[in-house]
Amino acid sequence: MQHRENTIPLGLVFGKLTKTYIAILSYKLRHLPIERYFYPCWLIAQNSGKLTQQELVNLLQSDKVTVNRIVAYLEKSKAIYRLKNLEDKRSINLFIAEEFDAYVPQIEKALKETDQLFLEFVEKPSTFLCEIIQMSKELEVFPAAPISLFYERIKQPKKGKRNA
């Protein structure tokens, strides 16, 4: 089936790029004990002990439920841990686990490499990034329901077996 150029929604292209970006990043970090939420984990590591769950919500521009799922996954994977803030008992501070700390530079390197891989296809990367960021800010004013992405790997069938 053939599409005319102007009938392919931009959202389809952005969605595919998002999936491809996450797949490449996940592949680069496949040896880690976590399989997703690399950027939130990196953010926590950069601010270990100083970042609350609410601040992570703000940094990720997400909702509390999604961030709670991310934090729960990272905690269950022993990448991070959380402790109540001693000054404000209502907030929870996030810490990178000592055993996971060695993986943080690998996450940062993979993020930078994946960004660079995608930007190789753009003529003026700094201009492009500014325009995309501006587009994102301008479109935030539209009243739309938030959408969550959970970044889980799709399980591939084993070779030789067919999907029923």
N, C-alpha and C. Protein backbone atom coordinates (compact mmCIF):
# COMPACT_ATOMS: atom_id res chain seq x y z
N MET A 1 0.84 -1.17 0.00
CA MET A 1 0.00 0.00 0.00
C MET A 1 0.88 1.24 0.00
N GLN A 2 0.57 2.17 -0.84
CA GLN A 2 1.39 3.36 -1.00
C GLN A 2 0.71 4.57 -0.36
N HIS A 3 1.48 5.39 0.35
CA HIS A 3 0.97 6.62 0.96
C HIS A 3 1.44 7.81 0.16
N ARG A 4 0.58 8.79 0.04
CA ARG A 4 1.06 10.07 -0.48
C ARG A 4 1.85 10.74 0.62
N GLU A 5 2.81 11.54 0.25
CA GLU A 5 3.70 12.18 1.23
C GLU A 5 2.95 12.93 2.32
N ASN A 6 1.91 13.64 1.97
CA ASN A 6 1.23 14.49 2.95
C ASN A 6 0.18 13.75 3.77
N THR A 7 0.05 12.44 3.61
CA THR A 7 -0.94 11.71 4.39
C THR A 7 -0.32 10.95 5.56
N ILE A 8 0.98 11.02 5.72
CA ILE A 8 1.63 10.35 6.85
C ILE A 8 1.67 11.33 8.01
N PRO A 9 0.96 11.04 9.11
CA PRO A 9 0.94 11.96 10.25
C PRO A 9 2.33 12.11 10.87
N LEU A 10 2.66 13.31 11.24
CA LEU A 10 3.94 13.59 11.89
C LEU A 10 4.08 12.76 13.18
N GLY A 11 2.96 12.55 13.88
CA GLY A 11 2.99 11.76 15.10
C GLY A 11 3.47 10.33 14.86
N LEU A 12 3.13 9.77 13.70
CA LEU A 12 3.58 8.43 13.35
C LEU A 12 5.10 8.41 13.22
N VAL A 13 5.64 9.44 12.58
CA VAL A 13 7.09 9.54 12.41
C VAL A 13 7.77 9.74 13.76
N PHE A 14 7.26 10.68 14.58
CA PHE A 14 7.84 10.91 15.90
C PHE A 14 7.75 9.65 16.78
N GLY A 15 6.61 8.97 16.70
CA GLY A 15 6.44 7.73 17.47
C GLY A 15 7.45 6.68 17.06
N LYS A 16 7.66 6.52 15.76
CA LYS A 16 8.63 5.54 15.27
C LYS A 16 10.04 5.92 15.70
N LEU A 17 10.37 7.22 15.61
CA LEU A 17 11.69 7.67 16.05
C LEU A 17 11.89 7.42 17.54
N THR A 18 10.84 7.66 18.33
CA THR A 18 10.93 7.41 19.77
C THR A 18 11.20 5.93 20.04
N LYS A 19 10.45 5.07 19.40
CA LYS A 19 10.66 3.62 19.58
C LYS A 19 12.06 3.20 19.14
N THR A 20 12.51 3.74 18.00
CA THR A 20 13.84 3.40 17.49
C THR A 20 14.93 3.89 18.45
N TYR A 21 14.77 5.12 18.95
CA TYR A 21 15.74 5.68 19.89
C TYR A 21 15.84 4.78 21.13
N ILE A 22 14.71 4.44 21.69
CA ILE A 22 14.70 3.62 22.91
C ILE A 22 15.24 2.23 22.64
N ALA A 23 14.94 1.67 21.48
CA ALA A 23 15.46 0.34 21.13
C ALA A 23 16.99 0.36 21.01
N ILE A 24 17.53 1.40 20.37
CA ILE A 24 18.99 1.51 20.22
C ILE A 24 19.64 1.72 21.58
N LEU A 25 19.09 2.61 22.38
CA LEU A 25 19.62 2.86 23.72
C LEU A 25 19.57 1.59 24.57
N SER A 26 18.46 0.89 24.51
CA SER A 26 18.32 -0.37 25.26
C SER A 26 19.34 -1.41 24.81
N TYR A 27 19.58 -1.45 23.50
CA TYR A 27 20.56 -2.40 22.97
C TYR A 27 21.96 -2.07 23.49
N LYS A 28 22.30 -0.78 23.48
CA LYS A 28 23.61 -0.36 23.96
C LYS A 28 23.81 -0.70 25.45
N LEU A 29 22.70 -0.71 26.20
CA LEU A 29 22.77 -0.92 27.65
C LEU A 29 22.19 -2.28 28.06
N ARG A 30 22.15 -3.21 27.14
CA ARG A 30 21.51 -4.51 27.40
C ARG A 30 22.21 -5.31 28.50
N HIS A 31 23.45 -5.00 28.82
CA HIS A 31 24.19 -5.70 29.86
C HIS A 31 23.87 -5.20 31.27
N LEU A 32 23.13 -4.10 31.38
CA LEU A 32 22.78 -3.55 32.69
C LEU A 32 21.69 -4.39 33.37
N PRO A 33 21.59 -4.29 34.67
CA PRO A 33 20.53 -5.03 35.38
C PRO A 33 19.14 -4.41 35.23
N ILE A 34 19.04 -3.29 34.52
CA ILE A 34 17.72 -2.71 34.22
C ILE A 34 17.56 -2.73 32.70
N GLU A 35 16.31 -2.78 32.24
CA GLU A 35 16.10 -2.79 30.79
C GLU A 35 15.37 -1.56 30.28
N ARG A 36 15.05 -0.62 31.16
CA ARG A 36 14.37 0.60 30.74
C ARG A 36 14.57 1.69 31.81
N TYR A 37 14.06 2.88 31.49
CA TYR A 37 14.13 4.05 32.39
C TYR A 37 15.57 4.47 32.69
N PHE A 38 16.40 4.44 31.65
CA PHE A 38 17.81 4.81 31.80
C PHE A 38 17.97 6.29 32.14
N TYR A 39 17.23 7.14 31.44
CA TYR A 39 17.36 8.58 31.70
C TYR A 39 16.89 8.94 33.11
N PRO A 40 15.73 8.48 33.57
CA PRO A 40 15.37 8.78 34.97
C PRO A 40 16.41 8.27 35.96
N CYS A 41 16.97 7.12 35.70
CA CYS A 41 18.00 6.57 36.58
C CYS A 41 19.23 7.48 36.57
N TRP A 42 19.61 7.95 35.39
CA TRP A 42 20.74 8.87 35.27
C TRP A 42 20.47 10.17 36.03
N LEU A 43 19.25 10.70 35.90
CA LEU A 43 18.89 11.92 36.63
C LEU A 43 19.01 11.72 38.13
N ILE A 44 18.53 10.60 38.61
CA ILE A 44 18.62 10.29 40.04
C ILE A 44 20.08 10.24 40.47
N ALA A 45 20.91 9.60 39.65
CA ALA A 45 22.34 9.48 39.99
C ALA A 45 23.01 10.85 40.03
N GLN A 46 22.63 11.75 39.13
CA GLN A 46 23.23 13.08 39.09
C GLN A 46 22.86 13.91 40.31
N ASN A 47 21.76 13.56 40.93
CA ASN A 47 21.24 14.32 42.08
C ASN A 47 21.01 13.43 43.28
N SER A 48 21.77 12.38 43.41
CA SER A 48 21.54 11.35 44.43
C SER A 48 21.36 11.95 45.83
N GLY A 49 20.19 11.70 46.40
CA GLY A 49 19.88 12.17 47.73
C GLY A 49 19.28 13.57 47.76
N LYS A 50 19.43 14.32 46.68
CA LYS A 50 18.93 15.69 46.64
C LYS A 50 17.65 15.81 45.84
N LEU A 51 17.27 14.75 45.16
CA LEU A 51 16.12 14.77 44.26
C LEU A 51 14.94 14.05 44.91
N THR A 52 13.79 14.71 44.91
CA THR A 52 12.58 14.07 45.44
C THR A 52 11.78 13.49 44.27
N GLN A 53 10.82 12.64 44.60
CA GLN A 53 9.96 12.09 43.55
C GLN A 53 9.22 13.20 42.83
N GLN A 54 8.76 14.20 43.56
CA GLN A 54 8.04 15.31 42.93
C GLN A 54 8.95 16.08 41.97
N GLU A 55 10.19 16.28 42.35
CA GLU A 55 11.13 16.96 41.46
C GLU A 55 11.39 16.11 40.21
N LEU A 56 11.41 14.80 40.37
CA LEU A 56 11.57 13.91 39.21
C LEU A 56 10.35 14.01 38.29
N VAL A 57 9.16 14.13 38.86
CA VAL A 57 7.95 14.35 38.08
C VAL A 57 8.14 15.60 37.22
N ASN A 58 8.62 16.67 37.82
CA ASN A 58 8.82 17.93 37.10
C ASN A 58 9.89 17.82 36.02
N LEU A 59 11.01 17.18 36.34
CA LEU A 59 12.10 17.04 35.37
C LEU A 59 11.68 16.20 34.17
N LEU A 60 10.90 15.17 34.42
CA LEU A 60 10.46 14.29 33.33
C LEU A 60 9.21 14.80 32.64
N GLN A 61 8.64 15.87 33.18
CA GLN A 61 7.38 16.42 32.66
C GLN A 61 6.35 15.30 32.53
N SER A 62 6.19 14.60 33.63
CA SER A 62 5.31 13.43 33.66
C SER A 62 4.31 13.59 34.79
N ASP A 63 3.59 12.52 35.08
CA ASP A 63 2.63 12.55 36.17
C ASP A 63 3.15 11.69 37.33
N LYS A 64 2.54 11.87 38.51
CA LYS A 64 3.00 11.18 39.72
C LYS A 64 2.90 9.67 39.60
N VAL A 65 1.83 9.18 38.99
CA VAL A 65 1.62 7.73 38.88
C VAL A 65 2.72 7.10 38.02
N THR A 66 3.02 7.72 36.89
CA THR A 66 4.06 7.18 36.00
C THR A 66 5.41 7.21 36.69
N VAL A 67 5.73 8.31 37.35
CA VAL A 67 7.03 8.41 38.03
C VAL A 67 7.09 7.41 39.19
N ASN A 68 5.99 7.20 39.88
CA ASN A 68 5.98 6.20 40.94
C ASN A 68 6.28 4.80 40.37
N ARG A 69 5.74 4.50 39.20
CA ARG A 69 6.03 3.20 38.55
C ARG A 69 7.50 3.10 38.16
N ILE A 70 8.05 4.20 37.63
CA ILE A 70 9.46 4.22 37.26
C ILE A 70 10.33 3.98 38.49
N VAL A 71 10.05 4.72 39.55
CA VAL A 71 10.84 4.61 40.78
C VAL A 71 10.69 3.21 41.38
N ALA A 72 9.49 2.67 41.38
CA ALA A 72 9.27 1.31 41.90
C ALA A 72 10.06 0.28 41.10
N TYR A 73 10.07 0.42 39.77
CA TYR A 73 10.83 -0.50 38.92
C TYR A 73 12.32 -0.40 39.23
N LEU A 74 12.84 0.84 39.29
CA LEU A 74 14.27 1.03 39.55
C LEU A 74 14.66 0.54 40.95
N GLU A 75 13.76 0.73 41.90
CA GLU A 75 14.03 0.25 43.27
C GLU A 75 14.01 -1.28 43.32
N LYS A 76 13.03 -1.88 42.67
CA LYS A 76 12.94 -3.35 42.63
C LYS A 76 14.17 -3.96 41.95
N SER A 77 14.70 -3.23 40.97
CA SER A 77 15.90 -3.68 40.25
C SER A 77 17.18 -3.39 41.02
N LYS A 78 17.05 -2.77 42.18
CA LYS A 78 18.18 -2.43 43.06
C LYS A 78 19.13 -1.39 42.44
N ALA A 79 18.59 -0.56 41.54
CA ALA A 79 19.38 0.53 40.95
C ALA A 79 19.34 1.76 41.85
N ILE A 80 18.22 1.95 42.54
CA ILE A 80 18.04 3.10 43.42
C ILE A 80 17.39 2.66 44.72
N TYR A 81 17.33 3.58 45.65
CA TYR A 81 16.50 3.38 46.84
C TYR A 81 15.94 4.74 47.24
N ARG A 82 14.89 4.71 48.03
CA ARG A 82 14.25 5.95 48.46
C ARG A 82 14.20 6.01 49.98
N LEU A 83 14.35 7.22 50.49
CA LEU A 83 14.27 7.48 51.93
C LEU A 83 13.43 8.73 52.15
N LYS A 84 12.69 8.73 53.26
CA LYS A 84 11.91 9.93 53.60
C LYS A 84 12.86 11.08 53.87
N ASN A 85 12.46 12.24 53.40
CA ASN A 85 13.22 13.46 53.63
C ASN A 85 13.14 13.79 55.13
N LEU A 86 14.29 14.01 55.75
CA LEU A 86 14.31 14.28 57.18
C LEU A 86 13.70 15.62 57.54
N GLU A 87 13.79 16.59 56.62
CA GLU A 87 13.25 17.92 56.88
C GLU A 87 11.77 18.01 56.54
N ASP A 88 11.36 17.34 55.47
CA ASP A 88 9.96 17.36 55.04
C ASP A 88 9.48 15.92 54.95
N LYS A 89 8.82 15.46 55.97
CA LYS A 89 8.41 14.04 56.07
C LYS A 89 7.47 13.61 54.95
N ARG A 90 6.86 14.57 54.24
CA ARG A 90 5.94 14.22 53.16
C ARG A 90 6.67 13.87 51.87
N SER A 91 7.91 14.29 51.74
CA SER A 91 8.63 14.03 50.49
C SER A 91 9.62 12.88 50.66
N ILE A 92 9.94 12.28 49.53
CA ILE A 92 10.83 11.12 49.49
C ILE A 92 12.03 11.47 48.62
N ASN A 93 13.22 11.27 49.17
CA ASN A 93 14.44 11.53 48.41
C ASN A 93 14.89 10.24 47.72
N LEU A 94 15.46 10.42 46.53
CA LEU A 94 15.90 9.29 45.71
C LEU A 94 17.42 9.22 45.69
N PHE A 95 17.94 8.02 45.84
CA PHE A 95 19.38 7.79 45.91
C PHE A 95 19.77 6.70 44.91
N ILE A 96 20.92 6.84 44.29
CA ILE A 96 21.45 5.77 43.44
C ILE A 96 22.07 4.73 44.36
N ALA A 97 21.84 3.48 44.09
CA ALA A 97 22.42 2.40 44.91
C ALA A 97 23.92 2.31 44.63
N GLU A 98 24.68 2.08 45.66
CA GLU A 98 26.14 2.02 45.52
C GLU A 98 26.55 0.97 44.49
N GLU A 99 25.86 -0.17 44.48
CA GLU A 99 26.18 -1.25 43.54
C GLU A 99 25.90 -0.84 42.09
N PHE A 100 25.01 0.12 41.90
CA PHE A 100 24.63 0.53 40.55
C PHE A 100 25.44 1.72 40.06
N ASP A 101 26.11 2.39 40.95
CA ASP A 101 26.85 3.62 40.63
C ASP A 101 27.82 3.44 39.46
N ALA A 102 28.44 2.29 39.33
CA ALA A 102 29.41 2.05 38.26
C ALA A 102 28.77 2.06 36.87
N TYR A 103 27.47 1.84 36.81
CA TYR A 103 26.77 1.82 35.52
C TYR A 103 26.40 3.22 35.01
N VAL A 104 26.41 4.19 35.89
CA VAL A 104 25.94 5.54 35.54
C VAL A 104 26.75 6.15 34.39
N PRO A 105 28.09 6.08 34.39
CA PRO A 105 28.84 6.63 33.25
C PRO A 105 28.50 5.91 31.94
N GLN A 106 28.18 4.64 32.02
CA GLN A 106 27.81 3.88 30.81
C GLN A 106 26.46 4.38 30.26
N ILE A 107 25.55 4.70 31.16
CA ILE A 107 24.25 5.25 30.73
C ILE A 107 24.47 6.59 30.05
N GLU A 108 25.26 7.45 30.68
CA GLU A 108 25.52 8.77 30.09
C GLU A 108 26.17 8.64 28.71
N LYS A 109 27.14 7.76 28.60
CA LYS A 109 27.82 7.55 27.32
C LYS A 109 26.83 7.05 26.26
N ALA A 110 25.98 6.11 26.61
CA ALA A 110 25.00 5.57 25.66
C ALA A 110 23.98 6.63 25.25
N LEU A 111 23.56 7.47 26.20
CA LEU A 111 22.64 8.56 25.86
C LEU A 111 23.27 9.51 24.85
N LYS A 112 24.52 9.89 25.09
CA LYS A 112 25.22 10.82 24.19
C LYS A 112 25.44 10.19 22.82
N GLU A 113 25.85 8.92 22.80
CA GLU A 113 26.08 8.24 21.52
C GLU A 113 24.78 8.10 20.72
N THR A 114 23.70 7.79 21.39
CA THR A 114 22.42 7.63 20.71
C THR A 114 21.94 8.97 20.18
N ASP A 115 22.07 10.02 20.98
CA ASP A 115 21.73 11.37 20.50
C ASP A 115 22.54 11.70 19.25
N GLN A 116 23.85 11.45 19.31
CA GLN A 116 24.73 11.78 18.19
C GLN A 116 24.35 10.97 16.95
N LEU A 117 24.01 9.72 17.12
CA LEU A 117 23.59 8.88 16.00
C LEU A 117 22.38 9.49 15.29
N PHE A 118 21.40 9.96 16.06
CA PHE A 118 20.20 10.55 15.48
C PHE A 118 20.49 11.91 14.84
N LEU A 119 21.38 12.67 15.45
CA LEU A 119 21.67 14.01 14.94
C LEU A 119 22.55 14.00 13.69
N GLU A 120 23.16 12.85 13.38
CA GLU A 120 23.96 12.73 12.16
C GLU A 120 23.13 12.97 10.91
N PHE A 121 21.82 12.77 11.01
CA PHE A 121 20.94 12.90 9.87
C PHE A 121 20.35 14.30 9.73
N VAL A 122 20.78 15.21 10.61
CA VAL A 122 20.25 16.57 10.63
C VAL A 122 21.35 17.52 10.18
N GLU A 123 21.01 18.42 9.25
CA GLU A 123 21.99 19.34 8.70
C GLU A 123 22.55 20.30 9.74
N LYS A 124 21.66 20.92 10.55
CA LYS A 124 22.09 21.87 11.57
C LYS A 124 21.52 21.42 12.92
N PRO A 125 22.24 20.51 13.61
CA PRO A 125 21.69 19.93 14.85
C PRO A 125 21.27 20.94 15.90
N SER A 126 22.06 21.99 16.14
CA SER A 126 21.69 22.93 17.21
C SER A 126 20.42 23.69 16.85
N THR A 127 20.27 24.08 15.59
CA THR A 127 19.05 24.75 15.14
C THR A 127 17.86 23.81 15.25
N PHE A 128 18.05 22.58 14.80
CA PHE A 128 17.00 21.57 14.86
C PHE A 128 16.51 21.36 16.29
N LEU A 129 17.46 21.20 17.22
CA LEU A 129 17.09 20.97 18.62
C LEU A 129 16.33 22.17 19.19
N CYS A 130 16.78 23.36 18.88
CA CYS A 130 16.08 24.57 19.35
C CYS A 130 14.66 24.62 18.81
N GLU A 131 14.50 24.28 17.54
CA GLU A 131 13.17 24.30 16.92
C GLU A 131 12.25 23.24 17.53
N ILE A 132 12.77 22.06 17.77
CA ILE A 132 11.96 20.98 18.36
C ILE A 132 11.57 21.34 19.79
N ILE A 133 12.50 21.89 20.56
CA ILE A 133 12.20 22.31 21.94
C ILE A 133 11.16 23.42 21.93
N GLN A 134 11.31 24.37 21.03
CA GLN A 134 10.33 25.45 20.92
C GLN A 134 8.95 24.90 20.54
N MET A 135 8.91 23.96 19.61
CA MET A 135 7.65 23.34 19.20
C MET A 135 6.99 22.67 20.41
N SER A 136 7.78 21.97 21.18
CA SER A 136 7.25 21.28 22.36
C SER A 136 6.64 22.27 23.35
N LYS A 137 7.34 23.37 23.59
CA LYS A 137 6.84 24.39 24.53
C LYS A 137 5.55 25.03 24.02
N GLU A 138 5.53 25.36 22.75
CA GLU A 138 4.35 26.03 22.16
C GLU A 138 3.13 25.12 22.18
N LEU A 139 3.33 23.83 21.99
CA LEU A 139 2.20 22.90 21.91
C LEU A 139 1.68 22.48 23.29
N GLU A 140 2.40 22.81 24.35
CA GLU A 140 1.96 22.47 25.70
C GLU A 140 0.66 23.17 26.09
N VAL A 141 0.32 24.24 25.42
CA VAL A 141 -0.87 25.02 25.77
C VAL A 141 -2.17 24.33 25.35
N PHE A 142 -2.08 23.36 24.46
CA PHE A 142 -3.29 22.68 24.00
C PHE A 142 -3.83 21.77 25.09
N PRO A 143 -5.14 21.83 25.33
CA PRO A 143 -5.74 20.98 26.37
C PRO A 143 -5.86 19.54 25.86
N ALA A 144 -4.90 18.73 26.22
CA ALA A 144 -4.91 17.33 25.80
C ALA A 144 -4.61 16.45 27.00
N ALA A 145 -5.20 15.28 27.03
CA ALA A 145 -4.96 14.33 28.12
C ALA A 145 -3.53 13.82 28.02
N PRO A 146 -2.81 13.73 29.13
CA PRO A 146 -1.43 13.22 29.11
C PRO A 146 -1.40 11.74 28.68
N ILE A 147 -0.33 11.37 28.03
CA ILE A 147 -0.13 10.01 27.55
C ILE A 147 1.10 9.45 28.25
N SER A 148 1.04 8.20 28.68
CA SER A 148 2.20 7.56 29.31
C SER A 148 2.84 6.58 28.34
N LEU A 149 4.15 6.51 28.40
CA LEU A 149 4.92 5.51 27.67
C LEU A 149 5.69 4.71 28.71
N PHE A 150 5.67 3.39 28.57
CA PHE A 150 6.31 2.57 29.59
C PHE A 150 7.61 1.93 29.14
N TYR A 151 8.00 2.09 27.90
CA TYR A 151 9.33 1.72 27.42
C TYR A 151 9.73 0.28 27.72
N GLU A 152 8.83 -0.63 27.57
CA GLU A 152 9.16 -2.03 27.80
C GLU A 152 9.55 -2.69 26.50
N ARG A 153 10.50 -3.60 26.58
CA ARG A 153 10.89 -4.35 25.39
C ARG A 153 9.76 -5.29 25.01
N ILE A 154 9.56 -5.42 23.72
CA ILE A 154 8.58 -6.38 23.21
C ILE A 154 9.29 -7.72 23.11
N LYS A 155 8.69 -8.73 23.68
CA LYS A 155 9.29 -10.06 23.65
C LYS A 155 9.18 -10.63 22.24
N GLN A 156 10.30 -11.03 21.70
CA GLN A 156 10.34 -11.60 20.35
C GLN A 156 10.14 -13.11 20.43
N PRO A 157 9.38 -13.68 19.49
CA PRO A 157 9.23 -15.13 19.50
C PRO A 157 10.57 -15.78 19.19
N LYS A 158 10.78 -16.96 19.77
CA LYS A 158 12.04 -17.68 19.51
C LYS A 158 12.07 -18.09 18.06
N LYS A 159 13.28 -18.16 17.52
CA LYS A 159 13.44 -18.53 16.11
C LYS A 159 12.90 -19.94 15.90
N GLY A 160 12.24 -20.10 14.79
CA GLY A 160 11.69 -21.41 14.46
C GLY A 160 10.25 -21.58 14.92
N LYS A 161 9.78 -20.68 15.79
CA LYS A 161 8.39 -20.74 16.25
C LYS A 161 7.59 -19.65 15.59
N ARG A 162 6.38 -19.95 15.25
CA ARG A 162 5.51 -18.97 14.63
C ARG A 162 4.56 -18.38 15.66
N ASN A 163 4.10 -17.16 15.35
CA ASN A 163 3.05 -16.57 16.17
C ASN A 163 1.74 -17.22 15.80
N ALA A 164 0.96 -17.58 16.78
CA ALA A 164 -0.33 -18.23 16.49
C ALA A 164 -1.39 -17.21 16.17
